[in-house]
Amino acid sequence: MGRHYAPGEDPSAEAIEQALHDVVRALEGSGVAYLLMGGVGTATMARPRTTDDLDLFVVPEDAPRVLEILAGAGFDTEETDPSWLYKAFRHGVLIDVIFRSSGDIYLDDQMLARAQVREFKGVEVPVISPEDLLVIKAVAANEDVPHHWYDAIATISRGDLDWDYVLARALRAGPRRVLSLLLYAESNDVAIPLAPIRGLIAELYPSLLADTASEDHAPTAR
């Protein structure tokens, strides 16, 4: 195997840039669909943030092919976990080849259709949409990686979102997580439309809205 991380060592910005160039060059023209997410997604869609690895999101059927292509381009590769993750290494940089994200989220045609081409370190790359990034970050956040939560809030703060699409994706994976995120964002004075919050509450706690409606129409005591 080639050079991986040494304890306490992070790859340089130049190494990240070179590894990204090599990934894009290797996959260009292969016919394999992929999106960048993780730190690259956050840096281009949400807030400035350093990253020490690259996260490729692919469909499960393409994961072995991606690993094969990267190996053929000189990357060191390993089939880390056949249920969701392979890894490749180049210039001391880790490339995660992810084919099942937290919450059983898979790359699909909707995500690919909404992807955006963004520039990162001088390389134009296909990046996951801010709406999909928000949902994935909300679902993936835990005690070990709390930054996902704040990446998601930064995604909301950065610009206009298709909230109907956010709601639809959230209902498929992690509705409670996304609802919690939206309410927490509100507590930090981040403006959230009422529609996605009501939509999630209606799905998760329908009796709550029914009780509220009954109270609204109850006769007023005199």
C-alpha atoms as a PDB file:
ATOM      1  CA  MET A   1       0.000   0.000   0.000  1.00  0.00           C
ATOM      2  CA  GLY A   2       1.047   3.623  -0.559  1.00  0.00           C
ATOM      3  CA  ARG A   3       1.449   6.423   1.915  1.00  0.00           C
ATOM      4  CA  HIS A   4      -1.570   6.808   4.195  1.00  0.00           C
ATOM      5  CA  TYR A   5      -1.978   9.176   7.102  1.00  0.00           C
ATOM      6  CA  ALA A   6       0.709   9.281   9.718  1.00  0.00           C
ATOM      7  CA  PRO A   7      -0.559   9.795  13.279  1.00  0.00           C
ATOM      8  CA  GLY A   8      -1.425  13.451  13.833  1.00  0.00           C
ATOM      9  CA  GLU A   9      -0.641  14.332  10.227  1.00  0.00           C
ATOM     10  CA  ASP A  10      -3.040  16.031   7.815  1.00  0.00           C
ATOM     11  CA  PRO A  11      -2.455  16.284   4.075  1.00  0.00           C
ATOM     12  CA  SER A  12      -1.468  19.684   2.731  1.00  0.00           C
ATOM     13  CA  ALA A  13      -3.761  21.871   0.640  1.00  0.00           C
ATOM     14  CA  GLU A  14      -1.544  21.094  -2.338  1.00  0.00           C
ATOM     15  CA  ALA A  15      -1.957  17.356  -1.776  1.00  0.00           C
ATOM     16  CA  ILE A  16      -5.755  17.723  -1.580  1.00  0.00           C
ATOM     17  CA  GLU A  17      -5.738  19.712  -4.808  1.00  0.00           C
ATOM     18  CA  GLN A  18      -3.563  17.192  -6.620  1.00  0.00           C
ATOM     19  CA  ALA A  19      -5.629  14.245  -5.394  1.00  0.00           C
ATOM     20  CA  LEU A  20      -8.814  15.971  -6.562  1.00  0.00           C
ATOM     21  CA  HIS A  21      -7.285  16.633  -9.977  1.00  0.00           C
ATOM     22  CA  ASP A  22      -6.291  12.974 -10.210  1.00  0.00           C
ATOM     23  CA  VAL A  23      -9.762  11.742  -9.196  1.00  0.00           C
ATOM     24  CA  VAL A  24     -11.515  13.918 -11.770  1.00  0.00           C
ATOM     25  CA  ARG A  25      -9.027  12.963 -14.466  1.00  0.00           C
ATOM     26  CA  ALA A  26      -9.407   9.257 -13.703  1.00  0.00           C
ATOM     27  CA  LEU A  27     -13.210   9.304 -13.753  1.00  0.00           C
ATOM     28  CA  GLU A  28     -13.606  11.680 -16.680  1.00  0.00           C
ATOM     29  CA  GLY A  29     -15.160   9.883 -19.614  1.00  0.00           C
ATOM     30  CA  SER A  30     -15.719   6.692 -17.628  1.00  0.00           C
ATOM     31  CA  GLY A  31     -19.490   6.991 -17.731  1.00  0.00           C
ATOM     32  CA  VAL A  32     -19.638   6.599 -13.949  1.00  0.00           C
ATOM     33  CA  ALA A  33     -21.904   9.096 -12.195  1.00  0.00           C
ATOM     34  CA  TYR A  34     -20.547  10.575  -8.982  1.00  0.00           C
ATOM     35  CA  LEU A  35     -20.954  13.617  -6.770  1.00  0.00           C
ATOM     36  CA  LEU A  36     -18.645  15.293  -4.290  1.00  0.00           C
ATOM     37  CA  MET A  37     -20.112  15.813  -0.837  1.00  0.00           C
ATOM     38  CA  GLY A  38     -18.587  16.047   2.647  1.00  0.00           C
ATOM     39  CA  GLY A  39     -16.067  18.836   3.145  1.00  0.00           C
ATOM     40  CA  VAL A  40     -16.024  19.794  -0.533  1.00  0.00           C
ATOM     41  CA  GLY A  41     -19.799  20.069  -0.567  1.00  0.00           C
ATOM     42  CA  THR A  42     -19.766  22.211   2.554  1.00  0.00           C
ATOM     43  CA  ALA A  43     -16.978  24.466   1.308  1.00  0.00           C
ATOM     44  CA  THR A  44     -18.725  25.145  -1.995  1.00  0.00           C
ATOM     45  CA  MET A  45     -22.352  25.189  -0.823  1.00  0.00           C
ATOM     46  CA  ALA A  46     -22.358  26.333   2.796  1.00  0.00           C
ATOM     47  CA  ARG A  47     -19.345  27.827   4.546  1.00  0.00           C
ATOM     48  CA  PRO A  48     -15.577  28.006   4.227  1.00  0.00           C
ATOM     49  CA  ARG A  49     -14.162  24.907   5.845  1.00  0.00           C
ATOM     50  CA  THR A  50     -10.963  22.958   5.510  1.00  0.00           C
ATOM     51  CA  THR A  51     -11.118  19.295   4.621  1.00  0.00           C
ATOM     52  CA  ASP A  52      -8.509  16.567   4.856  1.00  0.00           C
ATOM     53  CA  ASP A  53     -10.242  14.020   2.624  1.00  0.00           C
ATOM     54  CA  LEU A  54     -12.526  13.719  -0.399  1.00  0.00           C
ATOM     55  CA  ASP A  55     -15.964  12.100  -0.332  1.00  0.00           C
ATOM     56  CA  LEU A  56     -17.264  10.579  -3.562  1.00  0.00           C
ATOM     57  CA  PHE A  57     -20.918   9.556  -3.592  1.00  0.00           C
ATOM     58  CA  VAL A  58     -21.753   6.817  -6.112  1.00  0.00           C
ATOM     59  CA  VAL A  59     -24.493   4.275  -6.667  1.00  0.00           C
ATOM     60  CA  PRO A  60     -23.754   0.848  -5.154  1.00  0.00           C
ATOM     61  CA  GLU A  61     -23.528  -0.867  -8.530  1.00  0.00           C
ATOM     62  CA  ASP A  62     -20.770   1.525  -9.631  1.00  0.00           C
ATOM     63  CA  ALA A  63     -18.639   1.360  -6.495  1.00  0.00           C
ATOM     64  CA  PRO A  64     -16.472  -1.610  -7.616  1.00  0.00           C
ATOM     65  CA  ARG A  65     -15.965   0.049 -11.001  1.00  0.00           C
ATOM     66  CA  VAL A  66     -14.891   3.327  -9.358  1.00  0.00           C
ATOM     67  CA  LEU A  67     -12.376   1.474  -7.217  1.00  0.00           C
ATOM     68  CA  GLU A  68     -11.095  -0.349 -10.296  1.00  0.00           C
ATOM     69  CA  ILE A  69     -10.692   2.919 -12.214  1.00  0.00           C
ATOM     70  CA  LEU A  70      -8.857   4.593  -9.351  1.00  0.00           C
ATOM     71  CA  ALA A  71      -6.580   1.584  -8.896  1.00  0.00           C
ATOM     72  CA  GLY A  72      -5.781   1.687 -12.607  1.00  0.00           C
ATOM     73  CA  ALA A  73      -4.873   5.366 -12.239  1.00  0.00           C
ATOM     74  CA  GLY A  74      -2.337   4.615  -9.535  1.00  0.00           C
ATOM     75  CA  PHE A  75      -4.417   5.022  -6.386  1.00  0.00           C
ATOM     76  CA  ASP A  76      -4.055   2.570  -3.528  1.00  0.00           C
ATOM     77  CA  THR A  77      -7.489   1.081  -2.871  1.00  0.00           C
ATOM     78  CA  GLU A  78      -9.318  -1.107  -0.391  1.00  0.00           C
ATOM     79  CA  GLU A  79     -12.801  -2.572  -0.106  1.00  0.00           C
ATOM     80  CA  THR A  80     -13.249  -1.266   3.409  1.00  0.00           C
ATOM     81  CA  ASP A  81     -16.875  -2.172   4.129  1.00  0.00           C
ATOM     82  CA  PRO A  82     -18.983  -3.836   1.405  1.00  0.00           C
ATOM     83  CA  SER A  83     -22.165  -2.446   2.934  1.00  0.00           C
ATOM     84  CA  TRP A  84     -21.364   1.229   2.379  1.00  0.00           C
ATOM     85  CA  LEU A  85     -17.727   2.289   1.933  1.00  0.00           C
ATOM     86  CA  TYR A  86     -14.570   1.750  -0.097  1.00  0.00           C
ATOM     87  CA  LYS A  87     -11.385   3.793   0.247  1.00  0.00           C
ATOM     88  CA  ALA A  88      -8.662   5.026  -2.058  1.00  0.00           C
ATOM     89  CA  PHE A  89      -5.441   6.900  -1.256  1.00  0.00           C
ATOM     90  CA  ARG A  90      -3.336   9.291  -3.303  1.00  0.00           C
ATOM     91  CA  HIS A  91      -0.630  11.765  -2.249  1.00  0.00           C
ATOM     92  CA  GLY A  92      -1.413  10.910   1.372  1.00  0.00           C
ATOM     93  CA  VAL A  93      -5.051  11.943   0.837  1.00  0.00           C
ATOM     94  CA  LEU A  94      -7.972   9.684   1.717  1.00  0.00           C
ATOM     95  CA  ILE A  95     -10.767   9.368  -0.834  1.00  0.00           C
ATOM     96  CA  ASP A  96     -13.927   7.826   0.595  1.00  0.00           C
ATOM     97  CA  VAL A  97     -16.035   6.079  -2.033  1.00  0.00           C
ATOM     98  CA  ILE A  98     -19.448   6.126  -0.345  1.00  0.00           C
ATOM     99  CA  PHE A  99     -22.380   4.191  -1.749  1.00  0.00           C
ATOM    100  CA  ARG A 100     -24.730   4.267   1.235  1.00  0.00           C
ATOM    101  CA  SER A 101     -24.841   7.315   3.451  1.00  0.00           C
ATOM    102  CA  SER A 102     -26.212   7.506   7.007  1.00  0.00           C
ATOM    103  CA  GLY A 103     -29.936   6.840   7.170  1.00  0.00           C
ATOM    104  CA  ASP A 104     -29.754   4.477   4.184  1.00  0.00           C
ATOM    105  CA  ILE A 105     -29.492   7.369   1.743  1.00  0.00           C
ATOM    106  CA  TYR A 106     -28.387   6.337  -1.747  1.00  0.00           C
ATOM    107  CA  LEU A 107     -27.352   8.387  -4.745  1.00  0.00           C
ATOM    108  CA  ASP A 108     -30.301   8.510  -7.136  1.00  0.00           C
ATOM    109  CA  ASP A 109     -31.483  10.225 -10.319  1.00  0.00           C
ATOM    110  CA  GLN A 110     -33.053  13.140  -8.432  1.00  0.00           C
ATOM    111  CA  MET A 111     -29.787  13.937  -6.706  1.00  0.00           C
ATOM    112  CA  LEU A 112     -27.878  13.722  -9.968  1.00  0.00           C
ATOM    113  CA  ALA A 113     -30.393  15.965 -11.744  1.00  0.00           C
ATOM    114  CA  ARG A 114     -30.057  18.631  -9.043  1.00  0.00           C
ATOM    115  CA  ALA A 115     -26.254  18.471  -8.755  1.00  0.00           C
ATOM    116  CA  GLN A 116     -24.260  21.609  -9.437  1.00  0.00           C
ATOM    117  CA  VAL A 117     -20.853  22.034 -11.011  1.00  0.00           C
ATOM    118  CA  ARG A 118     -18.702  24.094  -8.650  1.00  0.00           C
ATOM    119  CA  GLU A 119     -15.049  25.044  -8.539  1.00  0.00           C
ATOM    120  CA  PHE A 120     -12.961  23.740  -5.673  1.00  0.00           C
ATOM    121  CA  LYS A 121      -9.222  24.362  -5.547  1.00  0.00           C
ATOM    122  CA  GLY A 122      -9.208  25.213  -9.222  1.00  0.00           C
ATOM    123  CA  VAL A 123     -11.061  22.065 -10.275  1.00  0.00           C
ATOM    124  CA  GLU A 124     -14.622  22.015 -11.578  1.00  0.00           C
ATOM    125  CA  VAL A 125     -16.449  19.158  -9.880  1.00  0.00           C
ATOM    126  CA  PRO A 126     -20.047  17.887  -9.669  1.00  0.00           C
ATOM    127  CA  VAL A 127     -21.265  18.700  -6.171  1.00  0.00           C
ATOM    128  CA  ILE A 128     -24.354  17.459  -4.371  1.00  0.00           C
ATOM    129  CA  SER A 129     -27.180  20.010  -4.175  1.00  0.00           C
ATOM    130  CA  PRO A 130     -27.513  22.159  -1.039  1.00  0.00           C
ATOM    131  CA  GLU A 131     -30.889  20.558  -0.306  1.00  0.00           C
ATOM    132  CA  ASP A 132     -29.478  17.030  -0.380  1.00  0.00           C
ATOM    133  CA  LEU A 133     -26.419  18.174   1.540  1.00  0.00           C
ATOM    134  CA  LEU A 134     -28.669  19.612   4.266  1.00  0.00           C
ATOM    135  CA  VAL A 135     -30.581  16.349   4.716  1.00  0.00           C
ATOM    136  CA  ILE A 136     -27.472  14.159   4.623  1.00  0.00           C
ATOM    137  CA  LYS A 137     -25.671  16.377   7.136  1.00  0.00           C
ATOM    138  CA  ALA A 138     -28.676  16.437   9.481  1.00  0.00           C
ATOM    139  CA  VAL A 139     -28.933  12.654   9.421  1.00  0.00           C
ATOM    140  CA  ALA A 140     -25.182  12.008   9.719  1.00  0.00           C
ATOM    141  CA  ALA A 141     -24.527  14.309  12.698  1.00  0.00           C
ATOM    142  CA  ASN A 142     -23.635  12.623  15.974  1.00  0.00           C
ATOM    143  CA  GLU A 143     -21.420  13.154  19.000  1.00  0.00           C
ATOM    144  CA  ASP A 144     -18.263  12.287  17.052  1.00  0.00           C
ATOM    145  CA  VAL A 145     -19.022  14.629  14.124  1.00  0.00           C
ATOM    146  CA  PRO A 146     -21.080  17.551  15.468  1.00  0.00           C
ATOM    147  CA  HIS A 147     -19.801  19.793  12.685  1.00  0.00           C
ATOM    148  CA  HIS A 148     -22.336  18.162  10.328  1.00  0.00           C
ATOM    149  CA  TRP A 149     -25.119  19.907  12.261  1.00  0.00           C
ATOM    150  CA  TYR A 150     -23.532  23.326  11.811  1.00  0.00           C
ATOM    151  CA  ASP A 151     -22.644  22.629   8.193  1.00  0.00           C
ATOM    152  CA  ALA A 152     -26.353  21.994   7.599  1.00  0.00           C
ATOM    153  CA  ILE A 153     -27.354  25.246   9.310  1.00  0.00           C
ATOM    154  CA  ALA A 154     -24.774  27.121   7.241  1.00  0.00           C
ATOM    155  CA  THR A 155     -26.303  25.556   4.133  1.00  0.00           C
ATOM    156  CA  ILE A 156     -29.670  27.035   5.108  1.00  0.00           C
ATOM    157  CA  SER A 157     -28.142  30.438   5.828  1.00  0.00           C
ATOM    158  CA  ARG A 158     -26.221  30.556   2.556  1.00  0.00           C
ATOM    159  CA  GLY A 159     -29.143  31.008   0.194  1.00  0.00           C
ATOM    160  CA  ASP A 160     -32.546  30.085  -1.166  1.00  0.00           C
ATOM    161  CA  LEU A 161     -33.488  26.414  -0.989  1.00  0.00           C
ATOM    162  CA  ASP A 162     -36.189  24.375  -2.662  1.00  0.00           C
ATOM    163  CA  TRP A 163     -38.066  23.637   0.545  1.00  0.00           C
ATOM    164  CA  ASP A 164     -40.592  21.344  -1.137  1.00  0.00           C
ATOM    165  CA  TYR A 165     -37.685  19.157  -2.209  1.00  0.00           C
ATOM    166  CA  VAL A 166     -36.080  19.343   1.248  1.00  0.00           C
ATOM    167  CA  LEU A 167     -39.358  18.169   2.777  1.00  0.00           C
ATOM    168  CA  ALA A 168     -39.717  15.312   0.289  1.00  0.00           C
ATOM    169  CA  ARG A 169     -36.166  14.106   0.909  1.00  0.00           C
ATOM    170  CA  ALA A 170     -36.462  14.504   4.668  1.00  0.00           C
ATOM    171  CA  LEU A 171     -39.616  12.397   4.746  1.00  0.00           C
ATOM    172  CA  ARG A 172     -37.677   9.603   3.043  1.00  0.00           C
ATOM    173  CA  ALA A 173     -34.746   9.686   5.450  1.00  0.00           C
ATOM    174  CA  GLY A 174     -34.469  11.222   8.895  1.00  0.00           C
ATOM    175  CA  PRO A 175     -37.596  13.380   9.259  1.00  0.00           C
ATOM    176  CA  ARG A 176     -37.089  13.787  13.011  1.00  0.00           C
ATOM    177  CA  ARG A 177     -33.471  14.779  12.523  1.00  0.00           C
ATOM    178  CA  VAL A 178     -34.371  17.374   9.907  1.00  0.00           C
ATOM    179  CA  LEU A 179     -37.242  18.747  11.997  1.00  0.00           C
ATOM    180  CA  SER A 180     -34.903  19.070  14.978  1.00  0.00           C
ATOM    181  CA  LEU A 181     -32.357  20.826  12.796  1.00  0.00           C
ATOM    182  CA  LEU A 182     -34.904  23.320  11.472  1.00  0.00           C
ATOM    183  CA  LEU A 183     -36.195  24.144  14.942  1.00  0.00           C
ATOM    184  CA  TYR A 184     -32.656  24.540  16.248  1.00  0.00           C
ATOM    185  CA  ALA A 185     -31.808  26.803  13.313  1.00  0.00           C
ATOM    186  CA  GLU A 186     -34.854  28.921  14.202  1.00  0.00           C
ATOM    187  CA  SER A 187     -33.552  29.222  17.771  1.00  0.00           C
ATOM    188  CA  ASN A 188     -30.368  30.694  16.280  1.00  0.00           C
ATOM    189  CA  ASP A 189     -32.355  33.309  14.323  1.00  0.00           C
ATOM    190  CA  VAL A 190     -32.004  31.506  11.005  1.00  0.00           C
ATOM    191  CA  ALA A 191     -35.196  32.103   9.063  1.00  0.00           C
ATOM    192  CA  ILE A 192     -37.031  28.877   8.188  1.00  0.00           C
ATOM    193  CA  PRO A 193     -40.279  28.806   6.183  1.00  0.00           C
ATOM    194  CA  LEU A 194     -43.225  27.417   8.105  1.00  0.00           C
ATOM    195  CA  ALA A 195     -44.233  24.983   5.343  1.00  0.00           C
ATOM    196  CA  PRO A 196     -41.459  22.367   5.804  1.00  0.00           C
ATOM    197  CA  ILE A 197     -41.822  22.492   9.582  1.00  0.00           C
ATOM    198  CA  ARG A 198     -45.584  21.990   9.357  1.00  0.00           C
ATOM    199  CA  GLY A 199     -45.085  19.256   6.779  1.00  0.00           C
ATOM    200  CA  LEU A 200     -42.731  17.316   9.012  1.00  0.00           C
ATOM    201  CA  ILE A 201     -44.938  17.767  12.077  1.00  0.00           C
ATOM    202  CA  ALA A 202     -47.980  16.636  10.083  1.00  0.00           C
ATOM    203  CA  GLU A 203     -46.156  13.449   9.100  1.00  0.00           C
ATOM    204  CA  LEU A 204     -44.600  12.731  12.485  1.00  0.00           C
ATOM    205  CA  TYR A 205     -47.217  14.047  14.893  1.00  0.00           C
ATOM    206  CA  PRO A 206     -50.535  14.325  13.039  1.00  0.00           C
ATOM    207  CA  SER A 207     -52.551  14.367  16.255  1.00  0.00           C
ATOM    208  CA  LEU A 208     -50.681  17.488  17.358  1.00  0.00           C
ATOM    209  CA  LEU A 209     -51.934  19.488  14.394  1.00  0.00           C
ATOM    210  CA  ALA A 210     -55.392  17.981  14.785  1.00  0.00           C
ATOM    211  CA  ASP A 211     -55.512  19.058  18.427  1.00  0.00           C
ATOM    212  CA  THR A 212     -54.335  22.533  17.463  1.00  0.00           C
ATOM    213  CA  ALA A 213     -57.009  22.801  14.796  1.00  0.00           C
ATOM    214  CA  SER A 214     -59.675  21.733  17.289  1.00  0.00           C
ATOM    215  CA  GLU A 215     -58.543  24.381  19.730  1.00  0.00           C
ATOM    216  CA  ASP A 216     -58.618  27.007  17.022  1.00  0.00           C
ATOM    217  CA  HIS A 217     -62.280  26.194  16.308  1.00  0.00           C
ATOM    218  CA  ALA A 218     -63.399  25.702  19.887  1.00  0.00           C
ATOM    219  CA  PRO A 219     -66.172  28.073  21.069  1.00  0.00           C
ATOM    220  CA  THR A 220     -64.964  30.972  23.189  1.00  0.00           C
ATOM    221  CA  ALA A 221     -66.238  30.983  26.762  1.00  0.00           C
ATOM    222  CA  ARG A 222     -68.381  33.971  27.738  1.00  0.00           C
END
